[in-house]
Amino acid sequence: MRFRDLWLVETISNTEDELGPFEDQQIVNSLRNEQISIDQKIIKRATKLAHRDKITQSMDKWAMFAKIALILLALIAIFSGVGLAYGSLGASRSSINVLSLFITLLGLHLISFIFWLFSLFFGKLNVTLLGRIWIWLSEKVSRSPNYVRSIHSFLTTINKAKATRWLFASVSHGFWLINLTITTIFIIILLATRSYTFNWETTILSSDSFANFVEFVGYIPSLLGFAMPSRDMILNSSNTISNLFADHETWSWWLIGQLTIWGILIRLIAFVLSFCMLRRKLRKAHIDMESGGIATLAKRLEFNAVHTYKPKDEHNRNYELENIRVSTNTIKHNLGRYAIVGIDLAPREVWPPFAPKDGISDAGILDGRTKKQKFLDSISEHPLEKVLIVLDGKQTPDRGIQYQIKNFSQYSGEISVFLLNSFDGTEISDRALVWKNILIELGISEKNIYLHESELNKWKTL
C-alpha cells in the first residue's frame, strides 16, 4: 500500500474529525458495488474527495516545500562543512594542535551520534533536532487550514506506521553525512595546497594518556590503510614542533582517517540503516480499520448480498440464480432539461420564488438528506442542461451546501444560484457577499449568481 494513499486517507479523516463528515453519498454509492477490497474503497473515496475539495493541492504544496526544506538543509550542511574546514586549519604554515583539531571537527558530531544511539535503547525520543528544523521550515510557507492539516496528517501517518524515529534519523544522518563529507574533502584540499605543522599540547594530561587516545581512535582507520603515528612520534610531538616533514604528513593522514571512519563511515552506516528501516516500516503500513471513523466508513462501503433460493433438484439445476446486490439508489425520474431547486430554505419562504414556465421542472425544497440524495440520483441518471439553485443569503455559508452544489455541478451543464434575502435595506448584506465569493470559488460564473428577483428574467423567459 502506497504511503501517499495512507496519507490521503488520514488527511480526509482528520478533516472530518475537525469539520464534520463530508457530503459523500454519491461517491459511497458508486464504490459500494465495486469488486475491490474495503481498503481500496476507502482509498478511492479519499482520493475523490481530496480532488473534489482541492485537498490534494495542499498536500502537493507541502510535499514540494518539504523537499525544498531538505535541499536548504543540505546547502546549510555544505556551507557549514566548508566553513568548518577553513576555520579549523586556519592560515597556511600555522601550527595545529591535533587534540583541539580532533574535537573541533568531530566533537559535536560524535556527541549527537552517541545521544542518538542512547535514544534507540534507553529513550522514547523520536524526533531529532534537525528533524524538528526540517518540519519547522516546511511549516513556514503557509498557515491555511488545509495546509496545516496536511502536515499533521503526514506526521500522524508516519507515527501510525511506527516510522517517526527512522524518518527524522534519516534527515539527521543525511545532514551530518553531507557536512562531514564536504569537511573532509576541503581538509584534503587544504592539506594538499598548504603547509601545516602538527603538535599537541596539554597542561593536565600525561603524555601516555594522549598517546593511548591516538592509538585507540586510530586503530580501526589503520586497518583500512590510514597512517598511524608511532608512539615515539606521538610523544615527540608534545609541546614541540617536529622538523621532519614525514611526521606532519603522517599526522595529516591520521586526521583524514579519523574524519573518514569516525565521521563519514559511521554516519553512512546510520543513514543507510535508518532509511532502510523507514522503507520497511512504510511498506508494512496499513489503514487502521479499528479506528472509529474508519470502522464506520467501512460499514457504509460494504454491500449487502441477498442469497436467492437455489433449487437442488436435477430439473432446476441449470436455472440457479446468482447472488445479487441490493441497489441503494432510489427510484429516478426525469426532470427534463431545466430545473429549479431550493436547498435548506426556511419554511416561511415562498416557494417557488417565481412561477416557472413549462419546461422548467420544480424539484422543490431539499431540506433533508433523503431528498438531496433523491435529487442527485435523478440528475445523475438524467443530467440537466441548466439548474437554478435557490439559497437563503441570510444563512451562514455551510460546507454541506457547498458540497451539494459541487455534486450537482457534475450532472448539470450550467448552474445558476439565486440568493434570497441578500439585502439589508438597500445594501447587499455582508453574508450575501461572502456567499457570492464562495460560489465564485466553486466555479460558478458571477453572471449566474443572482441577488434579486429582478435579475431572474433569463429564467423567467426560458
Protein backbone atom coordinates (compact mmCIF):
# COMPACT_ATOMS: atom_id res chain seq x y z
CA MET A 1 0.00 0.00 0.00
CA ARG A 2 1.47 3.35 -1.06
CA PHE A 3 2.34 5.85 1.65
CA ARG A 4 0.61 8.67 -0.22
CA ASP A 5 -2.66 6.73 -0.17
CA LEU A 6 -2.40 6.30 3.61
CA TRP A 7 -1.53 9.97 3.99
CA LEU A 8 -4.56 10.91 1.87
CA VAL A 9 -6.90 8.75 3.96
CA GLU A 10 -5.52 10.25 7.17
CA THR A 11 -5.93 13.79 5.84
CA ILE A 12 -9.58 13.19 4.93
CA SER A 13 -10.20 11.50 8.30
CA ASN A 14 -8.64 14.40 10.22
CA THR A 15 -10.65 16.91 8.20
CA GLU A 16 -13.86 15.08 9.04
CA ASP A 17 -12.92 14.91 12.72
CA GLU A 18 -12.39 18.66 12.74
CA LEU A 19 -15.15 19.92 10.44
CA GLY A 20 -17.67 17.11 10.31
CA PRO A 21 -18.45 14.41 7.71
CA PHE A 22 -18.10 15.10 4.01
CA GLU A 23 -21.14 15.04 1.78
CA ASP A 24 -20.13 11.83 0.02
CA GLN A 25 -23.23 9.71 -0.52
CA GLN A 26 -22.89 9.69 -4.31
CA ILE A 27 -19.26 8.56 -4.05
CA VAL A 28 -20.11 5.89 -1.47
CA ASN A 29 -22.95 4.58 -3.63
CA SER A 30 -20.66 4.24 -6.65
CA LEU A 31 -17.95 2.48 -4.62
CA ARG A 32 -20.25 0.16 -2.73
CA ASN A 33 -20.78 -2.14 -5.69
CA GLU A 34 -17.20 -2.21 -6.95
CA GLN A 35 -15.35 -5.53 -6.79
CA ILE A 36 -12.40 -4.26 -4.73
CA SER A 37 -11.30 -4.59 -1.12
CA ILE A 38 -12.58 -2.30 1.62
CA ASP A 39 -9.09 -0.77 1.90
CA GLN A 40 -9.15 0.17 -1.77
CA LYS A 41 -12.67 1.58 -1.46
CA ILE A 42 -11.57 3.79 1.43
CA ILE A 43 -8.58 4.99 -0.59
CA LYS A 44 -10.69 5.69 -3.69
CA ARG A 45 -13.22 7.62 -1.62
CA ALA A 46 -10.45 9.70 -0.04
CA THR A 47 -8.91 10.33 -3.46
CA LYS A 48 -12.19 11.53 -4.97
CA LEU A 49 -12.99 13.77 -2.00
CA ALA A 50 -9.48 15.21 -1.96
CA HIS A 51 -9.61 16.04 -5.68
CA ARG A 52 -13.10 17.46 -5.38
CA ASP A 53 -12.25 19.74 -2.47
CA LYS A 54 -8.71 20.58 -3.67
CA ILE A 55 -7.11 18.96 -0.63
CA THR A 56 -4.53 17.25 -2.85
CA GLN A 57 -3.27 20.69 -3.86
CA SER A 58 -2.41 21.47 -0.23
CA MET A 59 -0.73 18.09 0.17
CA ASP A 60 1.31 18.53 -3.01
CA LYS A 61 2.24 22.05 -1.94
CA TRP A 62 3.53 20.87 1.42
CA ALA A 63 5.38 17.93 -0.16
CA MET A 64 7.12 20.34 -2.53
CA PHE A 65 8.18 22.71 0.25
CA ALA A 66 9.26 19.80 2.45
CA LYS A 67 11.64 18.83 -0.37
CA ILE A 68 12.81 22.43 -0.66
CA ALA A 69 13.43 22.47 3.11
CA LEU A 70 15.55 19.32 2.74
CA ILE A 71 17.54 20.98 -0.05
CA LEU A 72 18.01 24.03 2.17
CA LEU A 73 19.31 21.80 4.98
CA ALA A 74 21.69 20.15 2.51
CA LEU A 75 23.02 23.57 1.45
CA ILE A 76 23.50 24.53 5.10
CA ALA A 77 25.42 21.26 5.60
CA ILE A 78 27.63 22.03 2.60
CA PHE A 79 28.46 25.61 3.58
CA SER A 80 28.98 24.73 7.24
CA GLY A 81 31.31 21.93 6.16
CA VAL A 82 33.38 24.34 4.08
CA GLY A 83 33.46 26.83 6.94
CA LEU A 84 34.44 24.15 9.45
CA ALA A 85 37.37 23.03 7.29
CA TYR A 86 38.75 26.52 6.75
CA GLY A 87 38.09 27.59 10.32
CA SER A 88 39.81 24.55 11.81
CA LEU A 89 43.08 24.60 9.85
CA GLY A 90 43.49 28.35 9.68
CA ALA A 91 46.21 30.10 7.71
CA SER A 92 48.98 28.32 5.87
CA ARG A 93 52.18 27.42 7.76
CA SER A 94 50.36 27.65 11.09
CA SER A 95 50.90 25.07 13.81
CA ILE A 96 47.81 22.96 14.58
CA ASN A 97 47.04 21.40 17.96
CA VAL A 98 45.97 17.87 16.98
CA LEU A 99 43.77 17.35 20.04
CA SER A 100 41.92 20.65 19.55
CA LEU A 101 41.50 19.92 15.84
CA PHE A 102 40.01 16.47 16.53
CA ILE A 103 37.49 17.93 18.99
CA THR A 104 36.59 20.79 16.64
CA LEU A 105 36.00 18.58 13.62
CA LEU A 106 34.32 15.59 15.26
CA GLY A 107 33.21 16.65 18.74
CA LEU A 108 29.65 17.86 18.06
CA HIS A 109 29.04 15.09 15.53
CA LEU A 110 30.14 12.37 17.97
CA ILE A 111 28.10 13.81 20.85
CA SER A 112 24.93 13.93 18.73
CA PHE A 113 25.61 10.44 17.36
CA ILE A 114 26.09 8.94 20.83
CA PHE A 115 22.94 10.70 22.01
CA TRP A 116 21.03 9.15 19.09
CA LEU A 117 22.39 5.68 19.93
CA PHE A 118 21.23 6.04 23.53
CA SER A 119 17.79 7.14 22.36
CA LEU A 120 17.43 3.87 20.42
CA PHE A 121 17.79 1.74 23.51
CA PHE A 122 17.01 3.89 26.52
CA GLY A 123 14.73 6.67 25.39
CA LYS A 124 11.47 7.42 23.63
CA LEU A 125 12.78 10.45 21.75
CA ASN A 126 11.72 10.02 18.12
CA VAL A 127 12.28 13.48 16.66
CA THR A 128 15.85 14.74 16.23
CA LEU A 129 16.74 18.42 16.39
CA LEU A 130 17.45 18.55 12.66
CA GLY A 131 14.14 16.78 12.03
CA ARG A 132 12.35 19.48 14.02
CA ILE A 133 14.12 22.16 12.00
CA TRP A 134 13.05 20.46 8.76
CA ILE A 135 9.37 20.42 9.79
CA TRP A 136 9.63 23.97 11.13
CA LEU A 137 10.98 25.23 7.81
CA SER A 138 8.25 23.49 5.81
CA GLU A 139 5.53 24.88 8.11
CA LYS A 140 6.51 28.50 7.49
CA VAL A 141 5.23 28.54 3.91
CA SER A 142 1.51 28.68 4.65
CA ARG A 143 -0.89 28.60 7.59
CA SER A 144 -4.05 27.74 5.65
CA PRO A 145 -6.22 25.09 7.39
CA ASN A 146 -5.81 22.51 4.61
CA TYR A 147 -2.04 23.04 4.55
CA VAL A 148 -1.70 22.64 8.32
CA ARG A 149 -3.91 19.54 8.29
CA SER A 150 -1.73 18.06 5.53
CA ILE A 151 1.37 18.43 7.73
CA HIS A 152 -0.29 17.00 10.83
CA SER A 153 -1.77 14.12 8.82
CA PHE A 154 1.65 13.36 7.35
CA LEU A 155 3.18 13.15 10.82
CA THR A 156 0.24 11.10 12.13
CA THR A 157 0.56 8.64 9.25
CA ILE A 158 4.29 8.28 9.86
CA ASN A 159 3.66 7.77 13.57
CA LYS A 160 1.00 5.10 12.98
CA ALA A 161 3.50 3.26 10.80
CA LYS A 162 5.99 3.47 13.72
CA ALA A 163 8.43 5.14 11.35
CA THR A 164 8.81 8.56 13.02
CA ARG A 165 12.16 7.68 14.60
CA TRP A 166 13.57 6.45 11.31
CA LEU A 167 12.30 9.35 9.19
CA PHE A 168 13.90 12.01 11.36
CA ALA A 169 17.01 9.89 11.89
CA SER A 170 17.40 9.73 8.09
CA VAL A 171 17.17 13.52 7.90
CA SER A 172 19.68 13.99 10.72
CA HIS A 173 22.21 11.42 9.49
CA GLY A 174 21.87 12.70 5.94
CA PHE A 175 22.71 16.23 7.11
CA TRP A 176 25.79 15.07 9.03
CA LEU A 177 26.90 12.79 6.18
CA ILE A 178 26.91 15.72 3.74
CA ASN A 179 28.57 18.02 6.27
CA LEU A 180 31.38 15.61 7.15
CA THR A 181 31.98 14.61 3.53
CA ILE A 182 32.38 18.24 2.47
CA THR A 183 34.56 18.95 5.51
CA THR A 184 36.85 16.01 4.68
CA ILE A 185 37.12 16.99 1.01
CA PHE A 186 38.14 20.55 1.87
CA ILE A 187 40.52 19.38 4.61
CA ILE A 188 42.26 17.24 1.97
CA ILE A 189 42.35 20.21 -0.43
CA LEU A 190 43.87 22.46 2.22
CA LEU A 191 46.43 19.86 3.27
CA ALA A 192 47.35 19.33 -0.38
CA THR A 193 47.77 23.02 -1.21
CA ARG A 194 49.10 24.49 2.03
CA SER A 195 51.80 23.67 4.54
CA TYR A 196 50.77 22.87 8.11
CA THR A 197 52.67 21.58 11.14
CA PHE A 198 51.10 19.47 13.88
CA ASN A 199 51.78 19.10 17.59
CA TRP A 200 49.72 18.61 20.71
CA GLU A 201 49.63 20.49 23.97
CA THR A 202 48.18 19.78 27.38
CA THR A 203 48.50 21.07 30.91
CA ILE A 204 46.80 18.40 32.98
CA LEU A 205 47.03 15.25 30.81
CA SER A 206 50.04 12.95 30.76
CA SER A 207 51.86 12.14 27.54
CA ASP A 208 50.88 8.50 27.84
CA SER A 209 47.19 9.42 28.12
CA PHE A 210 47.28 11.28 24.81
CA ALA A 211 49.33 8.53 23.16
CA ASN A 212 46.78 5.93 24.26
CA PHE A 213 43.95 8.10 22.90
CA VAL A 214 45.64 8.50 19.50
CA GLU A 215 46.30 4.76 19.24
CA PHE A 216 42.73 3.90 20.31
CA VAL A 217 40.91 6.13 17.80
CA GLY A 218 43.49 5.38 15.09
CA TYR A 219 43.38 1.58 15.34
CA ILE A 220 40.41 0.90 13.03
CA PRO A 221 41.47 3.54 10.45
CA SER A 222 44.94 1.95 10.41
CA LEU A 223 43.37 -1.39 9.48
CA LEU A 224 41.93 0.32 6.41
CA GLY A 225 45.26 1.77 5.34
CA PHE A 226 45.35 5.15 7.05
CA ALA A 227 48.62 6.17 8.70
CA MET A 228 49.08 5.70 12.44
CA PRO A 229 51.75 7.79 14.23
CA SER A 230 54.23 5.70 16.17
CA ARG A 231 54.29 6.09 19.94
CA ASP A 232 57.66 7.84 19.76
CA MET A 233 56.26 10.29 17.17
CA ILE A 234 53.26 11.00 19.40
CA LEU A 235 55.45 11.64 22.45
CA ASN A 236 57.93 13.74 20.45
CA SER A 237 55.06 15.98 19.23
CA SER A 238 54.17 17.03 22.76
CA ASN A 239 54.55 20.81 23.15
CA THR A 240 57.11 20.86 20.32
CA ILE A 241 57.02 21.03 16.55
CA SER A 242 58.87 18.29 14.71
CA ASN A 243 61.32 19.31 11.99
CA LEU A 244 60.58 16.17 9.97
CA PHE A 245 58.16 16.62 7.04
CA ALA A 246 57.22 12.91 7.25
CA ASP A 247 55.87 13.38 10.78
CA HIS A 248 53.43 16.08 9.68
CA GLU A 249 52.40 14.01 6.67
CA THR A 250 51.63 11.08 8.99
CA TRP A 251 49.56 13.32 11.24
CA SER A 252 47.68 14.59 8.16
CA TRP A 253 46.69 11.08 7.06
CA TRP A 254 45.80 10.16 10.63
CA LEU A 255 43.44 13.16 10.70
CA ILE A 256 41.87 12.20 7.36
CA GLY A 257 41.40 8.67 8.68
CA GLN A 258 39.54 9.99 11.73
CA LEU A 259 37.19 12.03 9.57
CA THR A 260 36.62 9.16 7.16
CA ILE A 261 35.98 6.40 9.72
CA TRP A 262 34.58 8.16 12.79
CA GLY A 263 32.80 10.77 10.71
CA ILE A 264 31.70 9.73 7.24
CA LEU A 265 31.58 5.94 7.65
CA ILE A 266 29.52 5.74 10.83
CA ARG A 267 27.07 8.36 9.54
CA LEU A 268 26.78 6.50 6.24
CA ILE A 269 26.00 3.25 8.07
CA ALA A 270 23.47 5.01 10.31
CA PHE A 271 21.83 6.75 7.32
CA VAL A 272 21.51 3.53 5.31
CA LEU A 273 20.14 1.68 8.37
CA SER A 274 17.61 4.44 9.14
CA PHE A 275 16.49 4.78 5.53
CA CYS A 276 16.06 1.01 5.11
CA MET A 277 14.07 0.82 8.36
CA LEU A 278 11.92 3.73 7.17
CA ARG A 279 11.18 1.96 3.87
CA ARG A 280 10.44 -1.29 5.70
CA LYS A 281 8.04 0.35 8.15
CA LEU A 282 6.20 2.21 5.40
CA ARG A 283 5.85 -0.94 3.27
CA LYS A 284 4.17 -2.68 6.21
CA ALA A 285 1.87 0.26 6.98
CA HIS A 286 -1.87 -0.21 6.51
CA ILE A 287 -5.17 1.52 7.21
CA ASP A 288 -6.21 1.28 10.85
CA MET A 289 -9.58 -0.43 10.43
CA GLU A 290 -10.23 -0.33 14.18
CA SER A 291 -10.36 3.45 14.50
CA GLY A 292 -13.88 4.75 14.99
CA GLY A 293 -14.23 6.82 11.82
CA ILE A 294 -12.67 4.21 9.53
CA ALA A 295 -14.72 1.36 11.03
CA THR A 296 -17.94 3.31 10.44
CA LEU A 297 -16.87 4.18 6.90
CA ALA A 298 -16.04 0.54 6.16
CA LYS A 299 -19.59 -0.48 7.08
CA ARG A 300 -21.01 2.20 4.79
CA LEU A 301 -18.89 0.92 1.90
CA GLU A 302 -19.93 -2.71 2.29
CA PHE A 303 -22.68 -4.07 0.06
CA ASN A 304 -25.39 -6.43 1.24
CA ALA A 305 -25.68 -9.64 -0.74
CA VAL A 306 -29.09 -11.28 -0.93
CA HIS A 307 -28.91 -15.03 -1.48
CA THR A 308 -31.85 -16.15 -3.58
CA TYR A 309 -33.41 -19.59 -3.46
CA LYS A 310 -31.35 -22.22 -5.30
CA PRO A 311 -33.28 -25.33 -6.35
CA LYS A 312 -31.36 -28.51 -5.67
CA ASP A 313 -33.26 -30.92 -7.88
CA GLU A 314 -31.82 -32.01 -11.19
CA HIS A 315 -34.61 -30.44 -13.23
CA ASN A 316 -33.85 -26.88 -11.99
CA ARG A 317 -30.09 -27.13 -11.66
CA ASN A 318 -29.47 -25.15 -14.85
CA TYR A 319 -31.64 -22.29 -13.61
CA GLU A 320 -29.87 -21.41 -10.35
CA LEU A 321 -29.69 -17.68 -9.71
CA GLU A 322 -26.51 -15.85 -8.79
CA ASN A 323 -26.21 -13.67 -5.73
CA ILE A 324 -27.48 -10.21 -6.46
CA ARG A 325 -26.62 -6.93 -4.81
CA VAL A 326 -29.19 -4.66 -3.35
CA SER A 327 -29.20 -1.28 -5.08
CA THR A 328 -29.04 1.64 -2.71
CA ASN A 329 -30.33 4.08 -5.31
CA THR A 330 -33.79 5.46 -5.03
CA ILE A 331 -36.21 5.41 -7.96
CA LYS A 332 -35.16 8.01 -10.52
CA HIS A 333 -37.37 10.25 -12.60
CA ASN A 334 -36.56 12.55 -15.50
CA LEU A 335 -36.65 16.24 -14.58
CA GLY A 336 -36.21 17.36 -18.19
CA ARG A 337 -33.67 19.91 -19.43
CA TYR A 338 -34.13 22.66 -16.84
CA ALA A 339 -34.92 22.59 -13.14
CA ILE A 340 -35.24 24.90 -10.14
CA VAL A 341 -34.43 23.59 -6.68
CA GLY A 342 -34.09 25.08 -3.19
CA ILE A 343 -31.65 23.89 -0.55
CA ASP A 344 -32.35 24.14 3.18
CA LEU A 345 -34.76 27.08 2.92
CA ALA A 346 -36.78 28.19 5.93
CA PRO A 347 -40.47 27.09 5.96
CA ARG A 348 -41.55 30.74 5.84
CA GLU A 349 -40.02 31.24 2.39
CA VAL A 350 -42.45 31.34 -0.51
CA TRP A 351 -41.82 28.54 -2.97
CA PRO A 352 -41.19 28.74 -5.83
CA PRO A 353 -39.74 32.28 -5.87
CA PHE A 354 -41.34 32.78 -9.29
CA ALA A 355 -43.79 30.82 -11.41
CA PRO A 356 -41.66 28.58 -13.64
CA LYS A 357 -42.81 28.22 -17.22
CA ASP A 358 -43.46 24.94 -18.94
CA GLY A 359 -40.20 23.08 -19.49
CA ILE A 360 -38.72 24.09 -16.13
CA SER A 361 -39.16 21.36 -13.54
CA ASP A 362 -39.86 22.37 -9.95
CA ALA A 363 -37.76 19.97 -7.85
CA GLY A 364 -38.97 21.59 -4.63
CA ILE A 365 -37.01 22.37 -1.48
CA LEU A 366 -34.35 19.84 -0.48
CA ASP A 367 -34.39 20.05 3.30
CA GLY A 368 -33.18 16.60 4.24
CA ARG A 369 -30.53 14.10 3.28
CA THR A 370 -33.04 11.76 1.66
CA LYS A 371 -34.45 14.45 -0.61
CA LYS A 372 -30.99 15.65 -1.59
CA GLN A 373 -29.88 12.14 -2.44
CA LYS A 374 -33.07 11.52 -4.42
CA PHE A 375 -32.47 14.64 -6.49
CA LEU A 376 -28.80 13.72 -7.02
CA ASP A 377 -29.76 10.21 -8.13
CA SER A 378 -32.27 11.68 -10.55
CA ILE A 379 -29.88 14.09 -12.28
CA SER A 380 -27.09 11.51 -12.34
CA GLU A 381 -29.42 9.32 -14.42
CA HIS A 382 -30.81 12.21 -16.49
CA PRO A 383 -28.34 15.16 -16.47
CA LEU A 384 -29.73 18.69 -16.72
CA GLU A 385 -28.75 21.38 -19.17
CA LYS A 386 -29.38 24.12 -16.61
CA VAL A 387 -30.33 24.20 -12.94
CA LEU A 388 -31.21 27.16 -10.72
CA ILE A 389 -30.33 26.59 -7.07
CA VAL A 390 -32.09 28.82 -4.55
CA LEU A 391 -30.30 29.52 -1.26
CA ASP A 392 -31.00 31.69 1.76
CA GLY A 393 -28.49 34.55 1.68
CA LYS A 394 -29.01 35.19 5.40
CA GLN A 395 -27.71 31.76 6.38
CA THR A 396 -24.10 31.25 7.35
CA PRO A 397 -22.26 29.62 4.42
CA ASP A 398 -22.48 25.91 5.07
CA ARG A 399 -19.92 23.40 3.88
CA GLY A 400 -22.59 20.78 3.33
CA ILE A 401 -24.43 23.04 0.89
CA GLN A 402 -21.16 23.74 -0.91
CA TYR A 403 -20.62 20.00 -1.35
CA GLN A 404 -24.16 19.60 -2.66
CA ILE A 405 -23.55 22.28 -5.26
CA LYS A 406 -20.32 20.54 -6.31
CA ASN A 407 -22.18 17.26 -6.63
CA PHE A 408 -24.98 18.85 -8.67
CA SER A 409 -22.44 20.51 -10.97
CA GLN A 410 -21.22 17.09 -12.11
CA TYR A 411 -24.58 16.43 -13.76
CA SER A 412 -25.57 19.93 -14.91
CA GLY A 413 -24.32 21.80 -17.93
CA GLU A 414 -24.80 25.19 -16.27
CA ILE A 415 -25.51 26.10 -12.65
CA SER A 416 -27.10 29.36 -11.53
CA VAL A 417 -27.71 30.42 -7.92
CA PHE A 418 -30.35 32.79 -6.56
CA LEU A 419 -29.59 34.12 -3.07
CA LEU A 420 -32.79 35.05 -1.25
CA ASN A 421 -32.71 37.79 1.40
CA SER A 422 -29.46 39.25 0.08
CA PHE A 423 -30.18 42.84 1.06
CA ASP A 424 -30.15 44.73 4.36
CA GLY A 425 -32.41 47.57 3.35
CA THR A 426 -30.90 48.87 0.13
CA GLU A 427 -27.41 47.45 0.68
CA ILE A 428 -26.17 43.96 -0.09
CA SER A 429 -25.57 42.14 3.20
CA ASP A 430 -22.07 41.06 4.21
CA ARG A 431 -23.22 37.46 4.42
CA ALA A 432 -24.56 37.56 0.87
CA LEU A 433 -21.20 38.88 -0.32
CA VAL A 434 -19.47 36.01 1.48
CA TRP A 435 -21.83 33.57 -0.24
CA LYS A 436 -21.10 35.19 -3.59
CA ASN A 437 -17.34 34.86 -3.17
CA ILE A 438 -17.68 31.22 -2.10
CA LEU A 439 -19.86 30.43 -5.11
CA ILE A 440 -17.33 32.04 -7.45
CA GLU A 441 -14.58 29.91 -5.84
CA LEU A 442 -16.74 26.86 -6.55
CA GLY A 443 -16.55 27.74 -10.24
CA ILE A 444 -19.94 29.38 -10.73
CA SER A 445 -19.85 32.32 -13.13
CA GLU A 446 -20.54 35.67 -11.46
CA LYS A 447 -23.18 36.45 -14.09
CA ASN A 448 -25.08 33.34 -12.95
CA ILE A 449 -25.28 34.48 -9.31
CA TYR A 450 -28.48 36.44 -8.68
CA LEU A 451 -29.11 38.59 -5.62
CA HIS A 452 -32.54 39.98 -6.52
CA GLU A 453 -35.62 38.52 -8.19
CA SER A 454 -35.45 41.20 -10.88
CA GLU A 455 -32.26 39.55 -12.16
CA LEU A 456 -34.09 36.28 -12.92
CA ASN A 457 -35.51 37.38 -16.29
CA LYS A 458 -33.31 34.83 -18.03
CA TRP A 459 -35.04 32.03 -16.12
CA LYS A 460 -38.49 33.54 -16.30
CA THR A 461 -38.32 33.62 -20.10
CA LEU A 462 -36.84 30.15 -20.74
